[in-house]
Amino acid sequence: MKKKVLIVLTSHDKLGKTGNHTGYYLPEVTHPYFKFIEAGIEVDFASPKGGKAPMEIASRDLSDPYNKRFLDDKKLVHRVEHTIPLEDINPDEYSAIMFAGGHGTMWDFPNSKEVSRLSSLIYEKGGVVAAVCHGPAALINVKLPGGQYLVEGKKVTGFSNEEEDAVQMTGKMPFLIETSLRERGAQYEKADLWQNKVVVDGRLVTGQNPASASALGEAVVNLINH
């Protein structure tokens, strides 16, 4: 049977109380997507609510060849505008679940029962759980059957506190990725601002920022295919 990855995008489009728009960060979808496809792995797109996943406008950089290739493909655009609701996902179909970033994830990923349920089930059956940038917001509350947090004692990364400060978003966030991962007992690691950093701990793969999206995709492919 052909291997398949589920890429999960946020359904949330409001940046706290600022009145500004947010959503998923495009290259954190497109870069891993093409790494998966090029490796012969199928991809489905899902979101907590299903339907159209909102994109962070600032992430729509058409000078990025992966972004342009993705947005030029009407069938692909249709799929992220008609995502599968997480409640309709059968975890047995997937070798990996990957959470794309974007500030929207900070509001709907952590408290989604389906995010936690699917992550735990896929991980427990030997699958890969991956998240990039703000995507690790999905991992904060995931518990394994024994009751411990998925990230507890594991090496991880995610958008750093310094990076959040650098984009002047610290005060607008409901929590901070780095701080929350540390509070859950994770061994958080980071690179300098905007540098590629991917951490693999067993079947848990995390990337720090947009610059890490391609390498995260490659790391997931390596785990699935070897």
N, C-alpha and C. Protein backbone atom coordinates (compact mmCIF):
# COMPACT_ATOMS: atom_id res chain seq x y z
N MET A 1 0.84 -1.19 0.00
CA MET A 1 0.00 0.00 0.00
C MET A 1 0.88 1.25 0.00
N LYS A 2 0.51 2.24 -0.79
CA LYS A 2 1.29 3.46 -0.88
C LYS A 2 1.25 4.21 0.45
N LYS A 3 2.39 4.75 0.86
CA LYS A 3 2.47 5.46 2.13
C LYS A 3 1.83 6.84 1.98
N LYS A 4 1.28 7.34 3.11
CA LYS A 4 0.54 8.59 3.06
C LYS A 4 0.84 9.43 4.29
N VAL A 5 0.94 10.74 4.08
CA VAL A 5 1.14 11.70 5.17
C VAL A 5 -0.07 12.63 5.24
N LEU A 6 -0.47 12.95 6.47
CA LEU A 6 -1.53 13.93 6.68
C LEU A 6 -0.89 15.25 7.09
N ILE A 7 -1.05 16.29 6.26
CA ILE A 7 -0.61 17.63 6.63
C ILE A 7 -1.80 18.36 7.23
N VAL A 8 -1.63 18.84 8.46
CA VAL A 8 -2.72 19.53 9.16
C VAL A 8 -2.45 21.04 9.16
N LEU A 9 -3.45 21.80 8.73
CA LEU A 9 -3.39 23.26 8.68
C LEU A 9 -4.36 23.83 9.71
N THR A 10 -4.07 25.03 10.17
CA THR A 10 -4.97 25.69 11.12
C THR A 10 -6.28 26.09 10.44
N SER A 11 -7.34 26.17 11.24
CA SER A 11 -8.62 26.71 10.78
C SER A 11 -8.82 28.13 11.28
N HIS A 12 -7.89 28.64 12.10
CA HIS A 12 -8.07 29.89 12.83
C HIS A 12 -7.51 31.08 12.04
N ASP A 13 -8.30 32.14 11.87
CA ASP A 13 -7.85 33.26 11.03
C ASP A 13 -7.79 34.61 11.73
N LYS A 14 -7.99 34.63 13.07
CA LYS A 14 -7.95 35.91 13.79
C LYS A 14 -6.75 35.95 14.73
N LEU A 15 -5.98 37.03 14.64
CA LEU A 15 -4.77 37.16 15.45
C LEU A 15 -5.13 37.77 16.80
N GLY A 16 -5.62 36.92 17.70
CA GLY A 16 -6.00 37.38 19.03
C GLY A 16 -7.01 38.50 18.98
N LYS A 17 -6.74 39.57 19.74
CA LYS A 17 -7.67 40.71 19.78
C LYS A 17 -7.20 41.87 18.91
N THR A 18 -6.22 41.61 18.05
CA THR A 18 -5.65 42.68 17.23
C THR A 18 -6.55 43.09 16.08
N GLY A 19 -7.47 42.20 15.68
CA GLY A 19 -8.29 42.48 14.50
C GLY A 19 -7.60 42.10 13.21
N ASN A 20 -6.35 41.66 13.33
CA ASN A 20 -5.59 41.28 12.13
C ASN A 20 -5.87 39.84 11.72
N HIS A 21 -5.61 39.56 10.45
CA HIS A 21 -5.83 38.22 9.89
C HIS A 21 -4.59 37.36 10.11
N THR A 22 -4.81 36.08 10.30
CA THR A 22 -3.70 35.13 10.37
C THR A 22 -4.13 33.81 9.73
N GLY A 23 -3.35 32.76 9.94
CA GLY A 23 -3.67 31.47 9.34
C GLY A 23 -2.44 30.59 9.31
N TYR A 24 -2.33 29.77 8.25
CA TYR A 24 -1.15 28.90 8.12
C TYR A 24 -0.08 29.63 7.32
N TYR A 25 1.16 29.18 7.46
CA TYR A 25 2.30 29.81 6.79
C TYR A 25 2.65 28.98 5.56
N LEU A 26 2.44 29.55 4.39
CA LEU A 26 2.46 28.80 3.12
C LEU A 26 3.70 27.93 2.91
N PRO A 27 4.95 28.44 3.07
CA PRO A 27 6.10 27.57 2.78
C PRO A 27 6.21 26.37 3.70
N GLU A 28 5.58 26.46 4.87
CA GLU A 28 5.62 25.32 5.80
C GLU A 28 4.63 24.24 5.39
N VAL A 29 3.85 24.52 4.37
CA VAL A 29 3.00 23.52 3.72
C VAL A 29 3.67 23.05 2.43
N THR A 30 4.08 24.01 1.60
CA THR A 30 4.56 23.67 0.26
C THR A 30 5.89 22.92 0.27
N HIS A 31 6.82 23.35 1.11
CA HIS A 31 8.14 22.70 1.11
C HIS A 31 8.05 21.22 1.53
N PRO A 32 7.42 20.92 2.67
CA PRO A 32 7.27 19.49 3.01
C PRO A 32 6.43 18.73 1.98
N TYR A 33 5.37 19.38 1.48
CA TYR A 33 4.50 18.69 0.52
C TYR A 33 5.30 18.15 -0.66
N PHE A 34 6.13 19.00 -1.27
CA PHE A 34 6.86 18.54 -2.44
C PHE A 34 7.95 17.53 -2.09
N LYS A 35 8.51 17.61 -0.90
CA LYS A 35 9.46 16.58 -0.45
C LYS A 35 8.76 15.22 -0.36
N PHE A 36 7.52 15.23 0.14
CA PHE A 36 6.76 13.98 0.25
C PHE A 36 6.41 13.42 -1.12
N ILE A 37 5.86 14.29 -1.97
CA ILE A 37 5.42 13.86 -3.30
C ILE A 37 6.59 13.32 -4.12
N GLU A 38 7.72 14.02 -4.04
CA GLU A 38 8.90 13.60 -4.81
C GLU A 38 9.45 12.26 -4.33
N ALA A 39 9.11 11.89 -3.09
CA ALA A 39 9.55 10.61 -2.54
C ALA A 39 8.50 9.51 -2.77
N GLY A 40 7.44 9.85 -3.52
CA GLY A 40 6.41 8.86 -3.82
C GLY A 40 5.41 8.65 -2.70
N ILE A 41 5.33 9.62 -1.79
CA ILE A 41 4.40 9.53 -0.65
C ILE A 41 3.17 10.38 -0.95
N GLU A 42 2.00 9.83 -0.72
CA GLU A 42 0.77 10.58 -0.94
C GLU A 42 0.53 11.54 0.22
N VAL A 43 -0.25 12.59 -0.04
CA VAL A 43 -0.52 13.61 0.97
C VAL A 43 -2.01 13.95 0.98
N ASP A 44 -2.57 14.04 2.18
CA ASP A 44 -3.90 14.61 2.36
C ASP A 44 -3.77 15.88 3.20
N PHE A 45 -4.71 16.79 3.03
CA PHE A 45 -4.74 18.03 3.81
C PHE A 45 -5.97 18.05 4.71
N ALA A 46 -5.75 18.33 5.97
CA ALA A 46 -6.85 18.37 6.93
C ALA A 46 -6.72 19.62 7.80
N SER A 47 -7.77 19.95 8.52
CA SER A 47 -7.75 21.05 9.48
C SER A 47 -8.79 20.74 10.56
N PRO A 48 -8.70 21.40 11.71
CA PRO A 48 -9.65 21.10 12.77
C PRO A 48 -11.11 21.22 12.35
N LYS A 49 -11.44 22.26 11.57
CA LYS A 49 -12.83 22.46 11.17
C LYS A 49 -13.15 21.91 9.79
N GLY A 50 -12.11 21.64 8.99
CA GLY A 50 -12.34 21.26 7.60
C GLY A 50 -12.66 22.49 6.76
N GLY A 51 -12.78 22.29 5.46
CA GLY A 51 -13.08 23.40 4.57
C GLY A 51 -11.87 24.25 4.28
N LYS A 52 -12.08 25.55 4.03
CA LYS A 52 -11.00 26.43 3.61
C LYS A 52 -10.08 26.77 4.77
N ALA A 53 -8.81 26.42 4.62
CA ALA A 53 -7.81 26.80 5.63
C ALA A 53 -7.30 28.19 5.28
N PRO A 54 -7.29 29.13 6.25
CA PRO A 54 -6.85 30.49 5.97
C PRO A 54 -5.33 30.58 5.88
N MET A 55 -4.83 31.33 4.92
CA MET A 55 -3.38 31.49 4.74
C MET A 55 -2.94 32.85 5.28
N GLU A 56 -1.80 32.86 5.98
CA GLU A 56 -1.20 34.14 6.36
C GLU A 56 -0.76 34.85 5.09
N ILE A 57 -1.32 36.04 4.86
CA ILE A 57 -1.06 36.76 3.62
C ILE A 57 0.43 37.01 3.41
N ALA A 58 1.14 37.33 4.48
CA ALA A 58 2.56 37.66 4.37
C ALA A 58 3.41 36.47 3.90
N SER A 59 2.84 35.27 4.00
CA SER A 59 3.60 34.07 3.63
C SER A 59 3.47 33.74 2.14
N ARG A 60 2.66 34.52 1.43
CA ARG A 60 2.39 34.23 0.01
C ARG A 60 3.50 34.81 -0.87
N ASP A 61 4.67 34.22 -0.74
CA ASP A 61 5.86 34.70 -1.45
C ASP A 61 6.05 33.89 -2.73
N LEU A 62 5.73 34.52 -3.86
CA LEU A 62 5.79 33.81 -5.13
C LEU A 62 7.20 33.73 -5.70
N SER A 63 8.17 34.39 -5.04
CA SER A 63 9.57 34.20 -5.47
C SER A 63 10.11 32.87 -4.95
N ASP A 64 9.38 32.26 -4.03
CA ASP A 64 9.71 30.92 -3.53
C ASP A 64 9.17 29.90 -4.55
N PRO A 65 10.05 29.13 -5.20
CA PRO A 65 9.58 28.24 -6.27
C PRO A 65 8.57 27.20 -5.81
N TYR A 66 8.70 26.72 -4.57
CA TYR A 66 7.73 25.74 -4.07
C TYR A 66 6.35 26.39 -3.92
N ASN A 67 6.33 27.62 -3.39
CA ASN A 67 5.05 28.32 -3.25
C ASN A 67 4.39 28.54 -4.60
N LYS A 68 5.20 29.00 -5.56
CA LYS A 68 4.65 29.30 -6.89
C LYS A 68 4.12 28.03 -7.55
N ARG A 69 4.90 26.97 -7.45
CA ARG A 69 4.48 25.69 -8.04
C ARG A 69 3.17 25.20 -7.41
N PHE A 70 3.02 25.39 -6.12
CA PHE A 70 1.83 24.95 -5.41
C PHE A 70 0.62 25.80 -5.82
N LEU A 71 0.78 27.13 -5.77
CA LEU A 71 -0.35 28.01 -6.05
C LEU A 71 -0.74 28.02 -7.52
N ASP A 72 0.19 27.64 -8.40
CA ASP A 72 -0.13 27.55 -9.83
C ASP A 72 -0.94 26.29 -10.17
N ASP A 73 -1.03 25.38 -9.22
CA ASP A 73 -1.74 24.12 -9.42
C ASP A 73 -3.15 24.24 -8.83
N LYS A 74 -4.13 24.42 -9.68
CA LYS A 74 -5.50 24.66 -9.20
C LYS A 74 -6.03 23.51 -8.35
N LYS A 75 -5.62 22.30 -8.68
CA LYS A 75 -6.09 21.14 -7.90
C LYS A 75 -5.54 21.18 -6.48
N LEU A 76 -4.29 21.60 -6.33
CA LEU A 76 -3.69 21.71 -5.00
C LEU A 76 -4.37 22.81 -4.19
N VAL A 77 -4.58 23.95 -4.83
CA VAL A 77 -5.25 25.07 -4.14
C VAL A 77 -6.65 24.64 -3.69
N HIS A 78 -7.33 23.91 -4.55
CA HIS A 78 -8.67 23.41 -4.19
C HIS A 78 -8.60 22.53 -2.94
N ARG A 79 -7.55 21.76 -2.82
CA ARG A 79 -7.45 20.83 -1.69
C ARG A 79 -7.22 21.55 -0.36
N VAL A 80 -6.46 22.66 -0.38
CA VAL A 80 -6.28 23.40 0.88
C VAL A 80 -7.47 24.31 1.17
N GLU A 81 -8.30 24.51 0.16
CA GLU A 81 -9.53 25.28 0.38
C GLU A 81 -10.71 24.36 0.70
N HIS A 82 -10.48 23.06 0.63
CA HIS A 82 -11.50 22.06 0.97
C HIS A 82 -10.84 20.96 1.81
N THR A 83 -10.22 21.37 2.91
CA THR A 83 -9.51 20.40 3.75
C THR A 83 -10.50 19.44 4.42
N ILE A 84 -9.97 18.28 4.78
CA ILE A 84 -10.78 17.26 5.46
C ILE A 84 -10.90 17.63 6.94
N PRO A 85 -12.10 17.60 7.53
CA PRO A 85 -12.20 17.82 8.96
C PRO A 85 -11.45 16.71 9.72
N LEU A 86 -10.72 17.09 10.76
CA LEU A 86 -9.94 16.09 11.49
C LEU A 86 -10.80 14.94 12.01
N GLU A 87 -12.05 15.24 12.35
CA GLU A 87 -12.91 14.19 12.90
C GLU A 87 -13.24 13.11 11.88
N ASP A 88 -13.01 13.41 10.59
CA ASP A 88 -13.28 12.43 9.53
C ASP A 88 -12.06 11.60 9.15
N ILE A 89 -10.94 11.86 9.81
CA ILE A 89 -9.68 11.19 9.47
C ILE A 89 -9.58 9.82 10.14
N ASN A 90 -9.18 8.82 9.36
CA ASN A 90 -8.88 7.49 9.89
C ASN A 90 -7.37 7.40 10.08
N PRO A 91 -6.87 7.39 11.33
CA PRO A 91 -5.42 7.41 11.55
C PRO A 91 -4.70 6.20 10.97
N ASP A 92 -5.41 5.11 10.77
CA ASP A 92 -4.77 3.89 10.24
C ASP A 92 -4.28 4.06 8.81
N GLU A 93 -4.74 5.11 8.13
CA GLU A 93 -4.36 5.33 6.73
C GLU A 93 -3.01 6.04 6.58
N TYR A 94 -2.45 6.53 7.70
CA TYR A 94 -1.30 7.44 7.59
C TYR A 94 -0.04 6.92 8.27
N SER A 95 1.07 7.11 7.57
CA SER A 95 2.38 6.78 8.13
C SER A 95 2.91 7.93 8.99
N ALA A 96 2.37 9.13 8.76
CA ALA A 96 2.83 10.30 9.51
C ALA A 96 1.75 11.37 9.53
N ILE A 97 1.78 12.18 10.58
CA ILE A 97 0.96 13.39 10.67
C ILE A 97 1.91 14.55 10.85
N MET A 98 1.71 15.62 10.06
CA MET A 98 2.59 16.77 10.12
C MET A 98 1.79 18.04 10.31
N PHE A 99 2.17 18.83 11.30
CA PHE A 99 1.47 20.08 11.60
C PHE A 99 2.24 21.27 11.04
N ALA A 100 1.64 21.94 10.04
CA ALA A 100 2.23 23.14 9.48
C ALA A 100 2.07 24.29 10.46
N GLY A 101 2.97 25.29 10.34
CA GLY A 101 2.91 26.41 11.26
C GLY A 101 2.06 27.56 10.73
N GLY A 102 2.34 28.74 11.26
CA GLY A 102 1.49 29.91 11.07
C GLY A 102 0.90 30.28 12.42
N HIS A 103 0.73 31.57 12.68
CA HIS A 103 0.29 31.99 14.01
C HIS A 103 -1.11 31.49 14.37
N GLY A 104 -1.94 31.18 13.36
CA GLY A 104 -3.28 30.68 13.65
C GLY A 104 -3.28 29.42 14.50
N THR A 105 -2.24 28.61 14.34
CA THR A 105 -2.17 27.33 15.06
C THR A 105 -2.20 27.52 16.58
N MET A 106 -1.75 28.70 17.04
CA MET A 106 -1.63 28.94 18.48
C MET A 106 -2.98 28.93 19.17
N TRP A 107 -4.04 29.16 18.40
CA TRP A 107 -5.38 29.21 18.99
C TRP A 107 -6.16 27.91 18.86
N ASP A 108 -6.00 27.18 17.75
CA ASP A 108 -6.86 26.00 17.62
C ASP A 108 -6.16 24.66 17.79
N PHE A 109 -4.85 24.58 17.57
CA PHE A 109 -4.18 23.28 17.69
C PHE A 109 -4.11 22.76 19.13
N PRO A 110 -3.71 23.57 20.12
CA PRO A 110 -3.46 23.00 21.45
C PRO A 110 -4.69 22.39 22.11
N ASN A 111 -5.86 22.97 21.87
CA ASN A 111 -7.06 22.53 22.57
C ASN A 111 -7.97 21.65 21.73
N SER A 112 -7.47 21.23 20.56
CA SER A 112 -8.26 20.35 19.70
C SER A 112 -8.13 18.89 20.17
N LYS A 113 -9.25 18.31 20.55
CA LYS A 113 -9.24 16.89 20.97
C LYS A 113 -8.83 15.99 19.81
N GLU A 114 -9.19 16.38 18.59
CA GLU A 114 -8.85 15.56 17.43
C GLU A 114 -7.35 15.64 17.12
N VAL A 115 -6.76 16.81 17.28
CA VAL A 115 -5.31 16.93 17.11
C VAL A 115 -4.59 15.97 18.06
N SER A 116 -5.00 16.00 19.31
CA SER A 116 -4.35 15.14 20.32
C SER A 116 -4.63 13.66 20.06
N ARG A 117 -5.88 13.35 19.73
CA ARG A 117 -6.26 11.95 19.50
C ARG A 117 -5.49 11.35 18.33
N LEU A 118 -5.48 12.05 17.21
CA LEU A 118 -4.83 11.52 16.01
C LEU A 118 -3.31 11.43 16.19
N SER A 119 -2.73 12.43 16.83
CA SER A 119 -1.28 12.40 17.07
C SER A 119 -0.90 11.20 17.90
N SER A 120 -1.64 10.98 18.97
CA SER A 120 -1.35 9.87 19.88
C SER A 120 -1.53 8.53 19.18
N LEU A 121 -2.62 8.38 18.43
CA LEU A 121 -2.90 7.11 17.76
C LEU A 121 -1.86 6.79 16.68
N ILE A 122 -1.52 7.79 15.87
CA ILE A 122 -0.53 7.57 14.81
C ILE A 122 0.83 7.24 15.42
N TYR A 123 1.20 7.95 16.48
CA TYR A 123 2.48 7.69 17.13
C TYR A 123 2.51 6.30 17.75
N GLU A 124 1.44 5.92 18.41
CA GLU A 124 1.40 4.63 19.11
C GLU A 124 1.43 3.44 18.16
N LYS A 125 0.96 3.65 16.93
CA LYS A 125 0.99 2.53 15.97
C LYS A 125 2.28 2.52 15.16
N GLY A 126 3.26 3.32 15.59
CA GLY A 126 4.56 3.31 14.92
C GLY A 126 4.74 4.36 13.87
N GLY A 127 3.81 5.32 13.79
CA GLY A 127 3.91 6.38 12.80
C GLY A 127 4.74 7.55 13.29
N VAL A 128 4.95 8.50 12.40
CA VAL A 128 5.76 9.69 12.68
C VAL A 128 4.85 10.87 13.01
N VAL A 129 5.23 11.65 14.02
CA VAL A 129 4.55 12.90 14.33
C VAL A 129 5.55 14.02 14.08
N ALA A 130 5.16 15.01 13.26
CA ALA A 130 6.07 16.09 12.89
C ALA A 130 5.35 17.43 12.99
N ALA A 131 6.14 18.48 13.26
CA ALA A 131 5.57 19.83 13.35
C ALA A 131 6.67 20.85 13.12
N VAL A 132 6.30 21.96 12.45
CA VAL A 132 7.30 22.97 12.12
C VAL A 132 6.84 24.35 12.57
N CYS A 133 7.79 25.14 13.10
CA CYS A 133 7.60 26.54 13.47
C CYS A 133 6.57 26.69 14.59
N HIS A 134 5.37 27.19 14.30
CA HIS A 134 4.30 27.24 15.31
C HIS A 134 3.47 25.95 15.32
N GLY A 135 3.76 25.05 14.38
CA GLY A 135 3.05 23.77 14.35
C GLY A 135 3.17 22.99 15.65
N PRO A 136 4.32 23.06 16.37
CA PRO A 136 4.42 22.34 17.65
C PRO A 136 3.41 22.78 18.71
N ALA A 137 2.64 23.84 18.42
CA ALA A 137 1.50 24.16 19.30
C ALA A 137 0.58 22.95 19.42
N ALA A 138 0.56 22.13 18.37
CA ALA A 138 -0.26 20.92 18.36
C ALA A 138 0.21 19.90 19.38
N LEU A 139 1.49 19.93 19.72
CA LEU A 139 2.08 18.89 20.56
C LEU A 139 1.98 19.17 22.05
N ILE A 140 1.64 20.41 22.40
CA ILE A 140 1.69 20.85 23.80
C ILE A 140 0.84 19.95 24.71
N ASN A 141 -0.34 19.56 24.25
CA ASN A 141 -1.26 18.82 25.11
C ASN A 141 -1.46 17.36 24.70
N VAL A 142 -0.64 16.86 23.78
CA VAL A 142 -0.79 15.46 23.35
C VAL A 142 -0.25 14.53 24.44
N LYS A 143 -1.11 13.60 24.88
CA LYS A 143 -0.69 12.62 25.87
C LYS A 143 -0.72 11.22 25.27
N LEU A 144 0.20 10.40 25.71
CA LEU A 144 0.24 9.00 25.30
C LEU A 144 -0.65 8.19 26.23
N PRO A 145 -0.98 6.93 25.88
CA PRO A 145 -1.89 6.14 26.69
C PRO A 145 -1.48 6.02 28.16
N GLY A 146 -0.18 6.08 28.44
CA GLY A 146 0.28 5.99 29.82
C GLY A 146 0.04 7.24 30.63
N GLY A 147 -0.39 8.33 29.95
CA GLY A 147 -0.70 9.57 30.65
C GLY A 147 0.38 10.63 30.55
N GLN A 148 1.58 10.24 30.08
CA GLN A 148 2.65 11.24 29.97
C GLN A 148 2.50 12.03 28.67
N TYR A 149 3.03 13.25 28.69
CA TYR A 149 2.99 14.07 27.48
C TYR A 149 3.93 13.48 26.42
N LEU A 150 3.51 13.56 25.18
CA LEU A 150 4.31 13.05 24.06
C LEU A 150 5.72 13.65 24.06
N VAL A 151 5.82 14.94 24.36
CA VAL A 151 7.12 15.62 24.25
C VAL A 151 7.99 15.46 25.50
N GLU A 152 7.42 14.90 26.55
CA GLU A 152 8.17 14.81 27.81
C GLU A 152 9.46 14.00 27.64
N GLY A 153 10.58 14.61 28.01
CA GLY A 153 11.87 13.93 27.93
C GLY A 153 12.45 13.83 26.54
N LYS A 154 11.73 14.36 25.53
CA LYS A 154 12.21 14.24 24.15
C LYS A 154 12.86 15.54 23.68
N LYS A 155 13.82 15.38 22.76
CA LYS A 155 14.46 16.55 22.15
C LYS A 155 13.52 17.12 21.09
N VAL A 156 13.27 18.41 21.19
CA VAL A 156 12.35 19.07 20.26
C VAL A 156 12.85 20.48 19.94
N THR A 157 12.25 21.08 18.92
CA THR A 157 12.43 22.49 18.66
C THR A 157 11.09 23.06 18.22
N GLY A 158 11.09 24.34 17.88
CA GLY A 158 9.89 25.06 17.47
C GLY A 158 10.24 26.53 17.49
N PHE A 159 9.32 27.38 17.07
CA PHE A 159 9.59 28.81 17.00
C PHE A 159 10.09 29.31 18.35
N SER A 160 11.26 29.95 18.34
CA SER A 160 11.90 30.33 19.60
C SER A 160 11.32 31.63 20.16
N ASN A 161 11.51 31.83 21.46
CA ASN A 161 11.06 33.07 22.10
C ASN A 161 11.72 34.28 21.46
N GLU A 162 13.00 34.14 21.08
CA GLU A 162 13.71 35.25 20.44
C GLU A 162 13.11 35.58 19.07
N GLU A 163 12.70 34.54 18.34
CA GLU A 163 12.08 34.77 17.03
C GLU A 163 10.72 35.45 17.20
N GLU A 164 9.97 35.04 18.21
CA GLU A 164 8.67 35.68 18.47
C GLU A 164 8.87 37.15 18.81
N ASP A 165 9.90 37.44 19.61
CA ASP A 165 10.24 38.84 19.93
C ASP A 165 10.62 39.60 18.67
N ALA A 166 11.40 38.94 17.81
CA ALA A 166 11.92 39.61 16.60
C ALA A 166 10.80 40.03 15.65
N VAL A 167 9.72 39.27 15.63
CA VAL A 167 8.58 39.64 14.76
C VAL A 167 7.52 40.43 15.55
N GLN A 168 7.88 40.81 16.79
CA GLN A 168 7.03 41.65 17.64
C GLN A 168 5.63 41.06 17.86
N MET A 169 5.63 39.75 18.11
CA MET A 169 4.35 39.06 18.32
C MET A 169 4.20 38.48 19.73
N THR A 170 5.22 38.62 20.54
CA THR A 170 5.21 37.98 21.86
C THR A 170 3.96 38.34 22.66
N GLY A 171 3.63 39.63 22.71
CA GLY A 171 2.49 40.08 23.51
C GLY A 171 1.14 39.73 22.91
N LYS A 172 1.13 39.29 21.66
CA LYS A 172 -0.13 38.97 20.99
C LYS A 172 -0.46 37.48 21.05
N MET A 173 0.51 36.68 21.52
CA MET A 173 0.34 35.23 21.55
C MET A 173 -0.31 34.76 22.86
N PRO A 174 -1.14 33.71 22.78
CA PRO A 174 -1.74 33.16 24.01
C PRO A 174 -0.73 32.43 24.88
N PHE A 175 0.38 32.01 24.29
CA PHE A 175 1.49 31.36 25.01
C PHE A 175 2.68 31.37 24.07
N LEU A 176 3.82 30.91 24.54
CA LEU A 176 5.02 30.84 23.71
C LEU A 176 5.41 29.39 23.49
N ILE A 177 5.74 29.04 22.25
CA ILE A 177 6.08 27.66 21.90
C ILE A 177 7.24 27.15 22.75
N GLU A 178 8.35 27.87 22.74
CA GLU A 178 9.54 27.42 23.47
C GLU A 178 9.25 27.22 24.95
N THR A 179 8.63 28.21 25.56
CA THR A 179 8.33 28.14 26.99
C THR A 179 7.43 26.96 27.31
N SER A 180 6.38 26.77 26.50
CA SER A 180 5.41 25.70 26.78
C SER A 180 6.02 24.32 26.58
N LEU A 181 6.87 24.15 25.58
CA LEU A 181 7.53 22.86 25.38
C LEU A 181 8.43 22.53 26.58
N ARG A 182 9.15 23.54 27.06
CA ARG A 182 10.00 23.33 28.24
C ARG A 182 9.16 22.96 29.45
N GLU A 183 8.01 23.61 29.61
CA GLU A 183 7.12 23.33 30.75
C GLU A 183 6.58 21.90 30.71
N ARG A 184 6.47 21.34 29.52
CA ARG A 184 5.99 19.96 29.38
C ARG A 184 7.11 18.94 29.58
N GLY A 185 8.30 19.42 29.88
CA GLY A 185 9.41 18.50 30.15
C GLY A 185 10.22 18.12 28.93
N ALA A 186 10.00 18.85 27.81
CA ALA A 186 10.77 18.58 26.60
C ALA A 186 12.17 19.17 26.73
N GLN A 187 13.11 18.56 26.02
CA GLN A 187 14.47 19.10 25.93
C GLN A 187 14.53 19.99 24.70
N TYR A 188 14.19 21.25 24.90
CA TYR A 188 14.08 22.19 23.77
C TYR A 188 15.45 22.62 23.29
N GLU A 189 15.63 22.60 21.95
CA GLU A 189 16.87 23.05 21.33
C GLU A 189 16.54 24.12 20.29
N LYS A 190 17.50 25.03 20.05
CA LYS A 190 17.25 26.05 19.04
C LYS A 190 18.54 26.49 18.39
N ALA A 191 18.39 27.01 17.16
CA ALA A 191 19.49 27.64 16.43
C ALA A 191 19.32 29.15 16.54
N ASP A 192 20.24 29.90 15.94
CA ASP A 192 20.09 31.35 15.88
C ASP A 192 18.86 31.71 15.07
N LEU A 193 18.46 32.97 15.16
CA LEU A 193 17.27 33.44 14.46
C LEU A 193 17.26 33.04 12.98
N TRP A 194 16.14 32.44 12.55
CA TRP A 194 15.84 32.16 11.14
C TRP A 194 16.78 31.14 10.51
N GLN A 195 17.54 30.41 11.32
CA GLN A 195 18.43 29.38 10.78
C GLN A 195 17.71 28.03 10.76
N ASN A 196 18.03 27.22 9.76
CA ASN A 196 17.45 25.88 9.67
C ASN A 196 17.83 25.05 10.89
N LYS A 197 16.82 24.49 11.56
CA LYS A 197 17.06 23.62 12.71
C LYS A 197 15.94 22.57 12.75
N VAL A 198 16.32 21.32 12.55
CA VAL A 198 15.37 20.21 12.64
C VAL A 198 15.89 19.23 13.69
N VAL A 199 15.02 18.80 14.58
CA VAL A 199 15.39 17.85 15.63
C VAL A 199 14.58 16.57 15.43
N VAL A 200 15.28 15.45 15.38
CA VAL A 200 14.63 14.14 15.26
C VAL A 200 14.90 13.36 16.53
N ASP A 201 13.85 12.97 17.23
CA ASP A 201 13.98 12.13 18.41
C ASP A 201 13.07 10.93 18.21
N GLY A 202 13.64 9.83 17.75
CA GLY A 202 12.81 8.66 17.43
C GLY A 202 11.88 8.99 16.28
N ARG A 203 10.58 8.92 16.53
CA ARG A 203 9.58 9.20 15.49
C ARG A 203 8.90 10.55 15.69
N LEU A 204 9.56 11.42 16.47
CA LEU A 204 9.08 12.78 16.65
C LEU A 204 10.04 13.73 15.94
N VAL A 205 9.51 14.52 14.99
CA VAL A 205 10.34 15.41 14.18
C VAL A 205 9.80 16.83 14.31
N THR A 206 10.68 17.77 14.69
CA THR A 206 10.26 19.15 14.82
C THR A 206 11.23 20.08 14.12
N GLY A 207 10.69 21.17 13.56
CA GLY A 207 11.49 22.18 12.89
C GLY A 207 11.25 23.54 13.54
N GLN A 208 12.27 24.38 13.58
CA GLN A 208 12.20 25.61 14.37
C GLN A 208 11.42 26.73 13.70
N ASN A 209 11.51 26.85 12.38
CA ASN A 209 11.02 28.07 11.71
C ASN A 209 10.80 27.78 10.22
N PRO A 210 10.37 28.78 9.45
CA PRO A 210 10.14 28.53 8.02
C PRO A 210 11.37 27.97 7.29
N ALA A 211 12.56 28.40 7.69
CA ALA A 211 13.78 27.94 7.03
C ALA A 211 14.02 26.45 7.22
N SER A 212 13.28 25.85 8.15
CA SER A 212 13.45 24.43 8.48
C SER A 212 12.46 23.52 7.76
N ALA A 213 11.56 24.10 6.97
CA ALA A 213 10.45 23.32 6.41
C ALA A 213 10.90 22.24 5.44
N SER A 214 11.84 22.55 4.56
CA SER A 214 12.30 21.54 3.60
C SER A 214 13.02 20.40 4.31
N ALA A 215 13.91 20.75 5.23
CA ALA A 215 14.67 19.72 5.96
C ALA A 215 13.76 18.86 6.82
N LEU A 216 12.69 19.46 7.35
CA LEU A 216 11.73 18.68 8.12
C LEU A 216 11.05 17.65 7.21
N GLY A 217 10.65 18.09 6.01
CA GLY A 217 10.05 17.15 5.06
C GLY A 217 10.98 16.00 4.74
N GLU A 218 12.25 16.31 4.52
CA GLU A 218 13.24 15.27 4.21
C GLU A 218 13.41 14.30 5.38
N ALA A 219 13.40 14.83 6.60
CA ALA A 219 13.56 13.97 7.78
C ALA A 219 12.38 13.02 7.93
N VAL A 220 11.18 13.51 7.65
CA VAL A 220 9.98 12.65 7.72
C VAL A 220 10.06 11.56 6.66
N VAL A 221 10.46 11.94 5.45
CA VAL A 221 10.62 10.95 4.36
C VAL A 221 11.61 9.86 4.78
N ASN A 222 12.73 10.25 5.36
CA ASN A 222 13.76 9.28 5.78
C ASN A 222 13.19 8.29 6.79
N LEU A 223 12.40 8.77 7.71
CA LEU A 223 11.81 7.89 8.73
C LEU A 223 10.78 6.94 8.12
N ILE A 224 9.97 7.48 7.22
CA ILE A 224 8.91 6.65 6.62
C ILE A 224 9.48 5.58 5.70
N ASN A 225 10.50 5.95 4.95
CA ASN A 225 11.02 5.05 3.91
C ASN A 225 12.17 4.15 4.35
N HIS A 226 12.61 4.26 5.61
CA HIS A 226 13.72 3.44 6.05
C HIS A 226 13.37 2.67 7.33
